[in-house]
Amino acid sequence: MKDILFFDSMLTPKIITVVYWLLLLGVLISGLGFMFSGQTGGFLGGIAMIVGGAIGARIWCELLIVLFKIHDNIKRVAQN
């Protein structure tokens, strides 16, 4: 607890996993809503939205994780 309160440990990498699953849920709901909205090309557009959104959410979360891993590695180098 002391590590988190004094910013010795990063809290955000633990939260990113939860954010990723919430993003996937949002993408799925949006895609399904678009699929059954009755618009022209809605079904294929909904599938494209689900696939593209899932890939985009994964890439965004992975980039955030990479930033925090870089921080950990720089911190380890600075301690040596």
N, C-alpha and C. Protein backbone atom coordinates (compact mmCIF):
# COMPACT_ATOMS: atom_id res chain seq x y z
N MET A 1 0.82 -1.20 0.00
CA MET A 1 0.00 0.00 0.00
C MET A 1 0.86 1.26 0.00
N LYS A 2 1.99 1.20 0.71
CA LYS A 2 2.89 2.35 0.76
C LYS A 2 3.45 2.67 -0.62
N ASP A 3 3.75 1.61 -1.41
CA ASP A 3 4.29 1.83 -2.76
C ASP A 3 3.31 2.61 -3.62
N ILE A 4 2.03 2.31 -3.51
CA ILE A 4 1.03 2.99 -4.32
C ILE A 4 0.83 4.43 -3.85
N LEU A 5 0.79 4.62 -2.54
CA LEU A 5 0.54 5.96 -2.01
C LEU A 5 1.68 6.93 -2.27
N PHE A 6 2.91 6.42 -2.33
CA PHE A 6 4.06 7.29 -2.58
C PHE A 6 4.59 7.17 -4.00
N PHE A 7 3.80 6.61 -4.90
CA PHE A 7 4.10 6.48 -6.33
C PHE A 7 5.39 5.71 -6.61
N ASP A 8 5.73 4.76 -5.75
CA ASP A 8 6.86 3.88 -6.03
C ASP A 8 6.43 2.73 -6.93
N SER A 9 5.16 2.44 -6.95
CA SER A 9 4.60 1.38 -7.79
C SER A 9 3.49 2.00 -8.65
N MET A 10 3.41 1.56 -9.88
CA MET A 10 2.40 2.10 -10.79
C MET A 10 1.10 1.32 -10.64
N LEU A 11 0.00 2.03 -10.52
CA LEU A 11 -1.32 1.43 -10.38
C LEU A 11 -1.98 1.22 -11.74
N THR A 12 -1.68 2.08 -12.68
CA THR A 12 -2.35 2.05 -13.98
C THR A 12 -2.18 0.74 -14.75
N PRO A 13 -1.01 0.09 -14.76
CA PRO A 13 -0.93 -1.18 -15.49
C PRO A 13 -1.92 -2.23 -14.99
N LYS A 14 -2.26 -2.18 -13.73
CA LYS A 14 -3.23 -3.13 -13.20
C LYS A 14 -4.64 -2.79 -13.66
N ILE A 15 -4.89 -1.52 -13.89
CA ILE A 15 -6.22 -1.07 -14.31
C ILE A 15 -6.43 -1.27 -15.81
N ILE A 16 -5.35 -1.29 -16.59
CA ILE A 16 -5.46 -1.38 -18.05
C ILE A 16 -6.17 -2.65 -18.48
N THR A 17 -5.98 -3.74 -17.76
CA THR A 17 -6.66 -4.99 -18.11
C THR A 17 -8.17 -4.83 -17.98
N VAL A 18 -8.62 -4.20 -16.93
CA VAL A 18 -10.06 -3.97 -16.74
C VAL A 18 -10.58 -3.04 -17.82
N VAL A 19 -9.83 -2.01 -18.14
CA VAL A 19 -10.23 -1.07 -19.20
C VAL A 19 -10.33 -1.79 -20.54
N TYR A 20 -9.41 -2.71 -20.82
CA TYR A 20 -9.44 -3.47 -22.06
C TYR A 20 -10.74 -4.27 -22.19
N TRP A 21 -11.12 -4.96 -21.12
CA TRP A 21 -12.34 -5.76 -21.18
C TRP A 21 -13.58 -4.89 -21.29
N LEU A 22 -13.57 -3.73 -20.65
CA LEU A 22 -14.69 -2.80 -20.80
C LEU A 22 -14.77 -2.25 -22.22
N LEU A 23 -13.62 -1.97 -22.82
CA LEU A 23 -13.60 -1.53 -24.21
C LEU A 23 -14.15 -2.61 -25.14
N LEU A 24 -13.75 -3.85 -24.91
CA LEU A 24 -14.27 -4.95 -25.74
C LEU A 24 -15.78 -5.08 -25.60
N LEU A 25 -16.29 -4.94 -24.39
CA LEU A 25 -17.73 -5.00 -24.18
C LEU A 25 -18.44 -3.86 -24.91
N GLY A 26 -17.87 -2.66 -24.82
CA GLY A 26 -18.44 -1.52 -25.53
C GLY A 26 -18.42 -1.69 -27.04
N VAL A 27 -17.33 -2.23 -27.56
CA VAL A 27 -17.22 -2.49 -29.00
C VAL A 27 -18.26 -3.52 -29.43
N LEU A 28 -18.42 -4.56 -28.64
CA LEU A 28 -19.39 -5.60 -28.97
C LEU A 28 -20.81 -5.06 -28.98
N ILE A 29 -21.17 -4.29 -27.97
CA ILE A 29 -22.51 -3.72 -27.90
C ILE A 29 -22.75 -2.74 -29.05
N SER A 30 -21.76 -1.91 -29.35
CA SER A 30 -21.89 -0.97 -30.47
C SER A 30 -22.02 -1.70 -31.80
N GLY A 31 -21.19 -2.71 -31.98
CA GLY A 31 -21.25 -3.47 -33.23
C GLY A 31 -22.57 -4.19 -33.41
N LEU A 32 -23.07 -4.80 -32.33
CA LEU A 32 -24.36 -5.48 -32.42
C LEU A 32 -25.50 -4.48 -32.66
N GLY A 33 -25.43 -3.33 -32.03
CA GLY A 33 -26.43 -2.29 -32.26
C GLY A 33 -26.42 -1.81 -33.70
N PHE A 34 -25.23 -1.68 -34.27
CA PHE A 34 -25.12 -1.25 -35.66
C PHE A 34 -25.60 -2.34 -36.61
N MET A 35 -25.32 -3.60 -36.25
CA MET A 35 -25.74 -4.71 -37.11
C MET A 35 -27.25 -4.79 -37.25
N PHE A 36 -27.95 -4.55 -36.17
CA PHE A 36 -29.40 -4.72 -36.18
C PHE A 36 -30.14 -3.39 -36.20
N SER A 37 -29.48 -2.33 -36.67
CA SER A 37 -30.12 -1.02 -36.74
C SER A 37 -30.99 -0.87 -37.97
N GLY A 38 -30.82 -1.71 -38.94
CA GLY A 38 -31.63 -1.63 -40.15
C GLY A 38 -31.04 -0.74 -41.22
N GLN A 39 -29.86 -0.23 -41.01
CA GLN A 39 -29.23 0.63 -42.02
C GLN A 39 -28.64 -0.24 -43.13
N THR A 40 -28.44 0.39 -44.29
CA THR A 40 -27.83 -0.29 -45.42
C THR A 40 -26.40 -0.67 -45.07
N GLY A 41 -26.04 -1.91 -45.25
CA GLY A 41 -24.71 -2.40 -44.92
C GLY A 41 -24.49 -2.52 -43.43
N GLY A 42 -25.56 -2.55 -42.67
CA GLY A 42 -25.46 -2.57 -41.22
C GLY A 42 -24.83 -3.84 -40.68
N PHE A 43 -25.18 -4.99 -41.28
CA PHE A 43 -24.67 -6.25 -40.76
C PHE A 43 -23.16 -6.36 -40.98
N LEU A 44 -22.71 -6.12 -42.20
CA LEU A 44 -21.27 -6.19 -42.47
C LEU A 44 -20.52 -5.05 -41.78
N GLY A 45 -21.15 -3.89 -41.71
CA GLY A 45 -20.53 -2.77 -41.01
C GLY A 45 -20.39 -3.07 -39.52
N GLY A 46 -21.37 -3.75 -38.94
CA GLY A 46 -21.30 -4.13 -37.53
C GLY A 46 -20.20 -5.13 -37.27
N ILE A 47 -20.06 -6.09 -38.18
CA ILE A 47 -18.98 -7.07 -38.03
C ILE A 47 -17.63 -6.37 -38.16
N ALA A 48 -17.52 -5.46 -39.13
CA ALA A 48 -16.27 -4.71 -39.30
C ALA A 48 -15.98 -3.86 -38.07
N MET A 49 -17.03 -3.28 -37.48
CA MET A 49 -16.86 -2.47 -36.29
C MET A 49 -16.37 -3.32 -35.11
N ILE A 50 -16.91 -4.50 -34.98
CA ILE A 50 -16.49 -5.40 -33.89
C ILE A 50 -15.04 -5.83 -34.06
N VAL A 51 -14.69 -6.25 -35.27
CA VAL A 51 -13.33 -6.72 -35.52
C VAL A 51 -12.33 -5.56 -35.41
N GLY A 52 -12.63 -4.45 -36.08
CA GLY A 52 -11.72 -3.29 -36.04
C GLY A 52 -11.61 -2.69 -34.65
N GLY A 53 -12.73 -2.63 -33.95
CA GLY A 53 -12.71 -2.09 -32.60
C GLY A 53 -11.92 -2.96 -31.63
N ALA A 54 -12.08 -4.27 -31.77
CA ALA A 54 -11.33 -5.19 -30.90
C ALA A 54 -9.83 -5.08 -31.16
N ILE A 55 -9.45 -4.99 -32.42
CA ILE A 55 -8.03 -4.85 -32.75
C ILE A 55 -7.50 -3.50 -32.27
N GLY A 56 -8.29 -2.44 -32.48
CA GLY A 56 -7.87 -1.11 -32.05
C GLY A 56 -7.73 -1.01 -30.53
N ALA A 57 -8.67 -1.61 -29.81
CA ALA A 57 -8.60 -1.59 -28.34
C ALA A 57 -7.37 -2.36 -27.86
N ARG A 58 -7.08 -3.48 -28.50
CA ARG A 58 -5.92 -4.28 -28.10
C ARG A 58 -4.62 -3.51 -28.34
N ILE A 59 -4.51 -2.88 -29.51
CA ILE A 59 -3.30 -2.12 -29.84
C ILE A 59 -3.11 -0.97 -28.87
N TRP A 60 -4.20 -0.23 -28.55
CA TRP A 60 -4.11 0.90 -27.64
C TRP A 60 -3.65 0.46 -26.26
N CYS A 61 -4.24 -0.63 -25.76
CA CYS A 61 -3.87 -1.12 -24.42
C CYS A 61 -2.43 -1.66 -24.41
N GLU A 62 -2.03 -2.33 -25.47
CA GLU A 62 -0.66 -2.83 -25.54
C GLU A 62 0.35 -1.69 -25.57
N LEU A 63 0.04 -0.61 -26.27
CA LEU A 63 0.94 0.54 -26.30
C LEU A 63 1.09 1.16 -24.92
N LEU A 64 0.00 1.23 -24.18
CA LEU A 64 0.08 1.74 -22.81
C LEU A 64 0.94 0.83 -21.94
N ILE A 65 0.77 -0.47 -22.07
CA ILE A 65 1.56 -1.43 -21.29
C ILE A 65 3.04 -1.30 -21.65
N VAL A 66 3.35 -1.11 -22.94
CA VAL A 66 4.74 -0.94 -23.36
C VAL A 66 5.36 0.28 -22.69
N LEU A 67 4.61 1.37 -22.60
CA LEU A 67 5.13 2.57 -21.94
C LEU A 67 5.48 2.28 -20.48
N PHE A 68 4.64 1.54 -19.80
CA PHE A 68 4.91 1.24 -18.40
C PHE A 68 6.07 0.25 -18.25
N LYS A 69 6.22 -0.67 -19.21
CA LYS A 69 7.37 -1.58 -19.15
C LYS A 69 8.67 -0.83 -19.41
N ILE A 70 8.63 0.16 -20.30
CA ILE A 70 9.81 1.00 -20.53
C ILE A 70 10.16 1.72 -19.24
N HIS A 71 9.16 2.23 -18.55
CA HIS A 71 9.38 2.91 -17.27
C HIS A 71 10.04 1.96 -16.27
N ASP A 72 9.54 0.73 -16.17
CA ASP A 72 10.14 -0.24 -15.24
C ASP A 72 11.59 -0.54 -15.59
N ASN A 73 11.87 -0.69 -16.89
CA ASN A 73 13.24 -1.00 -17.29
C ASN A 73 14.18 0.18 -17.03
N ILE A 74 13.72 1.39 -17.29
CA ILE A 74 14.56 2.57 -17.01
C ILE A 74 14.80 2.71 -15.51
N LYS A 75 13.78 2.43 -14.72
CA LYS A 75 13.93 2.47 -13.26
C LYS A 75 14.94 1.44 -12.78
N ARG A 76 14.92 0.25 -13.39
CA ARG A 76 15.88 -0.80 -13.02
C ARG A 76 17.30 -0.40 -13.41
N VAL A 77 17.46 0.23 -14.58
CA VAL A 77 18.78 0.68 -15.02
C VAL A 77 19.30 1.78 -14.10
N ALA A 78 18.40 2.67 -13.68
CA ALA A 78 18.82 3.78 -12.81
C ALA A 78 19.25 3.28 -11.44
N GLN A 79 18.69 2.18 -10.98
CA GLN A 79 19.06 1.63 -9.67
C GLN A 79 20.43 0.96 -9.72
N ASN A 80 20.84 0.53 -10.89
CA ASN A 80 22.15 -0.12 -11.03
C ASN A 80 23.20 0.88 -11.24
